Protein backbone atom coordinates (compact mmCIF):
# COMPACT_ATOMS: atom_id res chain seq x y z
CA MET A 1 -11.32 -37.66 -8.03
CA GLU A 2 -15.02 -36.77 -7.65
CA LEU A 3 -14.32 -32.73 -8.01
CA PRO A 4 -17.26 -30.13 -8.71
CA PRO A 5 -17.06 -27.73 -11.56
CA LEU A 6 -14.15 -25.59 -11.10
CA ASN A 7 -15.44 -22.16 -12.38
CA ALA A 8 -18.35 -22.83 -9.92
CA LEU A 9 -15.76 -23.16 -7.14
CA ARG A 10 -14.01 -20.17 -8.14
CA ALA A 11 -17.15 -18.08 -8.00
CA PHE A 12 -18.57 -19.56 -4.84
CA GLU A 13 -15.02 -18.68 -2.92
CA ALA A 14 -15.29 -15.18 -4.19
CA ALA A 15 -18.86 -14.70 -3.24
CA ALA A 16 -18.33 -16.23 0.33
CA ARG A 17 -15.52 -14.72 1.14
CA LEU A 18 -16.63 -11.02 0.03
CA ALA A 19 -20.34 -12.02 1.30
CA SER A 20 -21.67 -10.43 -2.19
CA LEU A 21 -22.42 -11.99 -5.46
CA THR A 22 -22.15 -8.35 -7.05
CA ASN A 23 -18.60 -8.05 -5.51
CA ALA A 24 -17.51 -11.64 -6.70
CA SER A 25 -18.68 -10.80 -10.03
CA ARG A 26 -16.12 -7.80 -10.00
CA GLU A 27 -13.54 -9.58 -8.84
CA ILE A 28 -13.64 -12.27 -11.54
CA ASN A 29 -14.73 -10.47 -14.24
CA VAL A 30 -18.23 -12.15 -15.03
CA THR A 31 -21.61 -10.75 -14.40
CA HIS A 32 -23.68 -11.05 -11.64
CA SER A 33 -26.33 -13.67 -12.78
CA ALA A 34 -23.28 -15.73 -14.15
CA VAL A 35 -22.25 -15.82 -10.34
CA GLY A 36 -25.88 -16.63 -9.31
CA GLN A 37 -25.62 -19.59 -11.99
CA GLN A 38 -22.64 -21.01 -11.02
CA VAL A 39 -23.34 -21.00 -7.00
CA ARG A 40 -26.85 -22.45 -8.05
CA GLN A 41 -25.09 -25.29 -10.14
CA LEU A 42 -22.36 -25.95 -7.24
CA GLU A 43 -25.57 -26.30 -4.78
CA GLU A 44 -27.41 -28.60 -7.10
CA TRP A 45 -24.01 -30.75 -7.45
CA ILE A 46 -23.50 -31.19 -4.11
CA GLY A 47 -27.12 -31.25 -3.01
CA ARG A 48 -26.94 -28.86 -0.12
CA ARG A 49 -27.68 -25.12 0.21
CA LEU A 50 -24.34 -22.96 0.82
CA PHE A 51 -25.91 -19.60 0.97
CA ARG A 52 -28.89 -18.05 2.56
CA ARG A 53 -30.47 -14.56 2.37
CA VAL A 54 -29.61 -12.15 4.84
CA GLY A 55 -31.40 -8.53 4.08
CA ARG A 56 -30.18 -7.46 0.47
CA GLY A 57 -26.79 -9.81 0.95
CA ILE A 58 -25.61 -13.23 1.59
CA ALA A 59 -24.39 -15.47 4.38
CA LEU A 60 -23.03 -18.99 4.26
CA THR A 61 -25.19 -21.78 5.87
CA PRO A 62 -23.17 -24.30 8.27
CA ALA A 63 -22.45 -26.61 5.23
CA GLY A 64 -21.31 -23.10 3.19
CA GLU A 65 -18.62 -22.79 6.15
CA GLU A 66 -17.48 -26.27 6.30
CA PHE A 67 -17.39 -26.16 2.46
CA TYR A 68 -15.64 -22.91 2.33
CA GLU A 69 -12.99 -23.81 4.78
CA ALA A 70 -11.62 -26.40 2.53
CA VAL A 71 -12.13 -24.68 -0.78
CA SER A 72 -10.36 -21.50 0.25
CA THR A 73 -7.55 -23.42 1.87
CA ALA A 74 -7.00 -25.95 -1.50
CA LEU A 75 -7.27 -22.32 -3.93
CA ARG A 76 -4.46 -20.92 -1.68
CA VAL A 77 -2.38 -23.92 -1.87
CA ILE A 78 -2.76 -23.70 -5.45
CA SER A 79 -2.01 -20.07 -5.73
CA VAL A 80 1.10 -20.32 -3.72
CA SER A 81 2.60 -23.40 -5.58
CA THR A 82 1.81 -21.59 -8.95
CA ARG A 83 3.30 -18.61 -7.75
CA ARG A 84 6.74 -20.40 -6.56
CA LEU A 85 6.88 -22.05 -10.32
CA LYS A 86 6.06 -18.57 -12.09
CA CYS A 87 9.10 -16.90 -9.71
CA ARG A 88 11.76 -19.42 -10.58
CA PRO A 89 14.76 -17.74 -12.38
CA GLY A 90 14.06 -18.01 -16.09
CA SER A 91 10.27 -17.64 -15.77
CA ARG A 92 8.02 -14.12 -15.45
CA PRO A 93 9.70 -10.94 -13.87
CA LEU A 94 9.60 -10.38 -10.31
CA SER A 95 6.29 -7.83 -9.91
CA VAL A 96 6.45 -4.82 -7.50
CA GLY A 97 3.74 -2.46 -7.07
CA CYS A 98 5.13 0.65 -5.06
CA ILE A 99 3.46 4.12 -4.27
CA ALA A 100 5.20 7.08 -5.64
CA SER A 101 6.73 8.45 -2.36
CA ILE A 102 8.47 5.26 -2.01
CA ALA A 103 9.18 4.44 -5.60
CA THR A 104 10.76 7.65 -6.41
CA ARG A 105 12.88 8.31 -3.36
CA TRP A 106 13.92 4.94 -2.02
CA LEU A 107 13.24 1.92 -4.98
CA VAL A 108 14.02 3.44 -7.97
CA PRO A 109 17.02 4.78 -6.96
CA ALA A 110 19.09 1.75 -5.68
CA ILE A 111 17.39 -1.00 -8.02
CA GLN A 112 20.29 -1.32 -9.90
CA ASP A 113 22.43 -2.59 -6.62
CA PHE A 114 19.58 -5.29 -6.15
CA LEU A 115 19.62 -6.71 -10.36
CA ARG A 116 23.25 -6.76 -9.64
CA MET A 117 23.54 -8.86 -6.66
CA HIS A 118 20.79 -11.30 -8.58
CA PRO A 119 21.45 -10.99 -11.99
CA ASP A 120 19.15 -14.05 -12.71
CA ILE A 121 16.29 -12.11 -11.69
CA ASP A 122 14.13 -9.60 -13.52
CA MET A 123 12.08 -7.26 -12.62
CA ARG A 124 8.87 -5.07 -13.41
CA VAL A 125 8.00 -2.17 -11.53
CA GLU A 126 4.61 -0.33 -11.45
CA TYR A 127 3.19 2.77 -9.71
CA ALA A 128 0.41 1.58 -7.11
CA HIS A 129 -2.58 3.54 -5.72
CA ALA A 130 -2.34 4.43 -2.06
CA GLN A 131 -5.66 2.50 -1.58
CA GLU A 132 -4.65 -0.70 -3.60
CA THR A 133 -4.80 -4.13 -1.69
CA PHE A 134 -2.60 -7.11 -1.86
CA ASP A 135 -3.51 -9.37 -4.76
CA ALA A 136 -1.01 -12.25 -5.58
CA ASP A 137 -2.24 -12.37 -8.81
CA LYS A 138 -1.33 -8.89 -9.72
CA HIS A 139 1.99 -8.51 -7.73
CA ASP A 140 4.73 -10.50 -5.93
CA VAL A 141 5.32 -7.34 -3.80
CA LEU A 142 3.23 -4.27 -2.87
CA ILE A 143 4.67 -1.44 -1.24
CA THR A 144 1.89 1.08 0.37
CA LEU A 145 0.64 2.56 3.22
CA SER A 146 -1.20 0.01 5.35
CA ARG A 147 -0.56 -3.54 6.78
CA ALA A 148 -2.45 -6.43 6.08
CA ASP A 149 -1.81 -9.67 8.00
CA SER A 150 -3.66 -12.61 7.32
CA GLU A 151 -3.39 -16.08 6.12
CA ALA A 152 -2.45 -15.30 2.72
CA CYS A 153 -0.44 -11.88 3.23
CA ARG A 154 2.29 -10.73 5.92
CA SER A 155 3.11 -7.36 6.70
CA VAL A 156 6.84 -5.82 6.89
CA ARG A 157 7.12 -2.14 8.21
CA LEU A 158 9.34 -0.12 6.27
CA PHE A 159 9.16 3.72 7.89
CA SER A 160 7.05 5.18 9.95
CA ARG A 161 4.45 7.79 8.57
CA MET A 162 4.98 10.45 11.24
CA ASN A 163 4.34 13.67 9.73
CA LYS A 164 6.08 17.19 10.91
CA PRO A 165 6.09 20.26 9.22
CA VAL A 166 9.16 20.87 6.84
CA ALA A 167 10.28 23.43 4.36
CA SER A 168 13.12 24.01 2.01
CA ALA A 169 16.32 25.81 3.03
CA HIS A 170 15.21 28.43 0.53
CA TYR A 171 11.96 29.17 1.83
CA VAL A 172 13.24 29.39 5.47
CA LYS A 173 15.96 31.76 4.50
CA HIS A 174 13.84 34.13 2.65
CA LYS A 175 10.81 33.89 5.64
CA PRO A 176 12.81 33.45 8.88
CA GLU A 177 9.75 34.05 11.25
CA ILE A 178 8.56 30.76 10.62
CA LEU A 179 11.09 29.37 13.02
CA HIS A 180 9.47 31.40 15.86
CA SER A 181 6.59 30.49 18.21
CA ASN A 182 3.53 30.30 16.32
CA GLY A 183 5.61 31.40 12.80
CA LEU A 184 3.50 28.51 10.90
CA GLU A 185 0.30 30.72 11.10
CA GLY A 186 1.40 33.08 8.63
CA ALA A 187 3.61 30.30 6.48
CA GLU A 188 2.03 29.51 2.53
CA LEU A 189 0.78 25.78 3.60
CA LEU A 190 0.87 23.14 1.01
CA HIS A 191 -1.66 20.36 1.34
CA ASP A 192 -1.52 17.01 0.73
CA GLU A 193 -4.87 15.79 -1.50
CA SER A 194 -7.17 17.58 1.33
CA LEU A 195 -6.79 20.78 4.04
CA ASP A 196 -7.52 17.88 6.66
CA GLY A 197 -3.59 17.11 7.74
CA TRP A 198 -3.00 20.58 8.13
CA ALA A 199 -6.28 21.02 10.29
CA GLN A 200 -5.43 17.79 12.49
CA TRP A 201 -1.89 19.40 12.94
CA PHE A 202 -2.90 22.97 13.94
CA GLU A 203 -5.53 21.33 16.25
CA LYS A 204 -2.87 18.98 18.13
CA ALA A 205 -0.57 22.16 18.29
CA GLY A 206 -3.44 23.83 20.24
CA MET A 207 -3.06 26.76 18.01
CA THR A 208 -6.09 28.57 16.75
CA ARG A 209 -5.85 29.99 13.28
CA VAL A 210 -7.15 33.61 12.76
CA LYS A 211 -7.23 32.83 8.86
CA PRO A 212 -8.80 29.67 7.15
CA LEU A 213 -6.46 27.16 5.98
CA ARG A 214 -5.82 27.91 2.23
CA GLY A 215 -3.09 26.85 -0.21
CA PRO A 216 -2.50 24.78 -3.17
CA ILE A 217 -3.95 20.88 -2.96
CA TYR A 218 -1.71 18.46 -4.44
CA GLN A 219 -3.35 15.01 -5.28
CA ASP A 220 0.17 13.46 -6.12
CA PHE A 221 2.65 13.46 -3.17
CA ASN A 222 5.50 13.63 -5.86
CA LEU A 223 3.78 17.14 -7.23
CA LEU A 224 3.71 18.17 -3.32
CA THR A 225 7.54 17.18 -2.96
CA GLY A 226 8.24 19.31 -6.03
CA ALA A 227 6.79 22.38 -4.75
CA ILE A 228 8.22 21.86 -1.35
CA MET A 229 11.41 21.88 -2.96
CA ALA A 230 10.99 24.59 -4.87
CA GLY A 231 10.44 26.88 -1.98
CA HIS A 232 6.60 27.35 -2.30
CA GLY A 233 5.51 26.71 1.20
CA VAL A 234 5.41 24.63 4.24
CA ALA A 235 4.22 20.90 4.20
CA LEU A 236 3.45 18.01 6.50
CA CYS A 237 5.74 15.28 5.44
CA PRO A 238 6.91 11.63 6.62
CA ILE A 239 10.42 13.05 7.95
CA GLN A 240 11.93 9.17 8.00
CA VAL A 241 11.13 8.94 4.12
CA PHE A 242 12.79 12.46 3.81
CA ARG A 243 15.54 11.79 6.02
CA ARG A 244 18.13 12.11 3.48
CA GLU A 245 17.04 15.71 2.42
CA ILE A 246 16.65 16.69 6.23
CA ALA A 247 20.26 15.39 6.93
CA HIS A 248 21.75 17.04 4.24
CA GLY A 249 19.88 20.44 5.06
CA ASP A 250 17.80 20.77 2.03
CA LEU A 251 14.64 20.44 4.02
CA VAL A 252 14.29 22.07 7.43
CA VAL A 253 12.11 20.41 9.90
CA LEU A 254 10.04 23.26 11.57
CA SER A 255 8.41 21.78 14.74
CA GLU A 256 8.41 18.71 16.60
CA ILE A 257 5.00 18.42 17.06
CA ALA A 258 3.84 15.29 15.10
CA THR A 259 0.82 13.49 13.78
CA LEU A 260 0.15 10.13 12.06
CA GLU A 261 2.94 8.25 14.72
CA ASP A 262 0.77 4.80 14.71
CA GLN A 263 0.92 4.80 11.04
CA GLY A 264 3.55 3.77 8.53
CA TYR A 265 4.82 1.95 5.12
CA TYR A 266 4.40 -1.50 4.57
CA LEU A 267 5.97 -3.95 2.32
CA LEU A 268 3.22 -6.68 1.66
CA ARG A 269 3.80 -10.17 0.14
CA ALA A 270 2.39 -13.92 0.66
CA HIS A 271 3.82 -15.59 3.44
CA ASP A 272 5.47 -18.54 1.26
CA ALA A 273 6.19 -16.57 -1.82
CA GLY A 274 9.56 -18.09 -2.41
CA PRO A 275 13.48 -17.12 -2.56
CA THR A 276 13.11 -14.24 -5.06
CA VAL A 277 10.46 -12.70 -2.62
CA ASP A 278 12.28 -13.29 0.16
CA ALA A 279 15.53 -11.97 -1.29
CA PHE A 280 13.91 -8.50 -2.32
CA THR A 281 12.05 -8.16 0.84
CA ASP A 282 15.10 -8.86 2.90
CA TRP A 283 17.31 -5.88 0.42
CA PHE A 284 14.72 -3.55 0.40
CA GLN A 285 14.54 -3.85 4.26
CA GLN A 286 18.22 -3.28 4.26
CA ILE A 287 17.74 -0.17 2.05
CA CYS A 288 15.13 1.42 4.04
CA ALA A 289 16.94 0.97 7.38
CA SER A 290 20.20 2.18 5.80
CA GLU A 291 21.42 5.64 7.79
CA ASP A 292 23.88 6.63 4.87
CA ASP A 293 23.19 8.64 2.10
CA GLY A 294 22.35 5.20 -0.22
CA PRO A 295 22.58 5.35 -4.03
CA ASN A 296 21.58 9.10 -4.07
CA ALA A 297 24.65 10.51 -2.66
């Protein structure tokens, strides 16, 4: 087979996909100059220009576009085949990255059921950041806030992200006025990462606050959850994710006005990831759709 240098192919694919030598160098963990040198080496080997300068960036030439389609397809086939081999029983563990809110409330409490059903599968569970994108080289499954359907990845919707104001039953008992019309204007507000969420909710509710938005801001959603359950105030929470606590009466929904109705929580995975990922995907979909109390009961 007449093949160009494989390192140069990898550099070319990353640079073409990201339209940036700098971003390609970060992704494949080499210097900017090394990526440029590998691309030039590939162009010399082929005898055609593959990139052209566009302002401060780069773009593919017609020859580069033709070659990128072939290279990206070939590398994707290699990646899928490698992943299938690595995911067979007795090989590396199934790697699941999961954001904290879903990991602590849904995945971890139920995970022993999955392992009992599939004793030949080992697992590695890691926290994922909400901004993290799916990378098949890092995780077999990523559970996060955004969908990412593409040729390399498909999204499975798990929960709606619809937010409504909630408070603990203890907080409501000691501050019953929050149940009345406009009662939230005087409530202690708890914030997830910024004040924006509550600002959007009050705007949608048509309420004009006399007092400025205040209250503690929690960067980690699990910290916010702890503050809610401890009775520190009112927070905007995804009610599907907290439906068990709401059904038990531990949390009280204070208004039917909602935000983020069009957003959701998703499981991301490769299309042809193999039977291990298929089994996990089917199982976790059923767990998230269950209406019973689940493993926490």
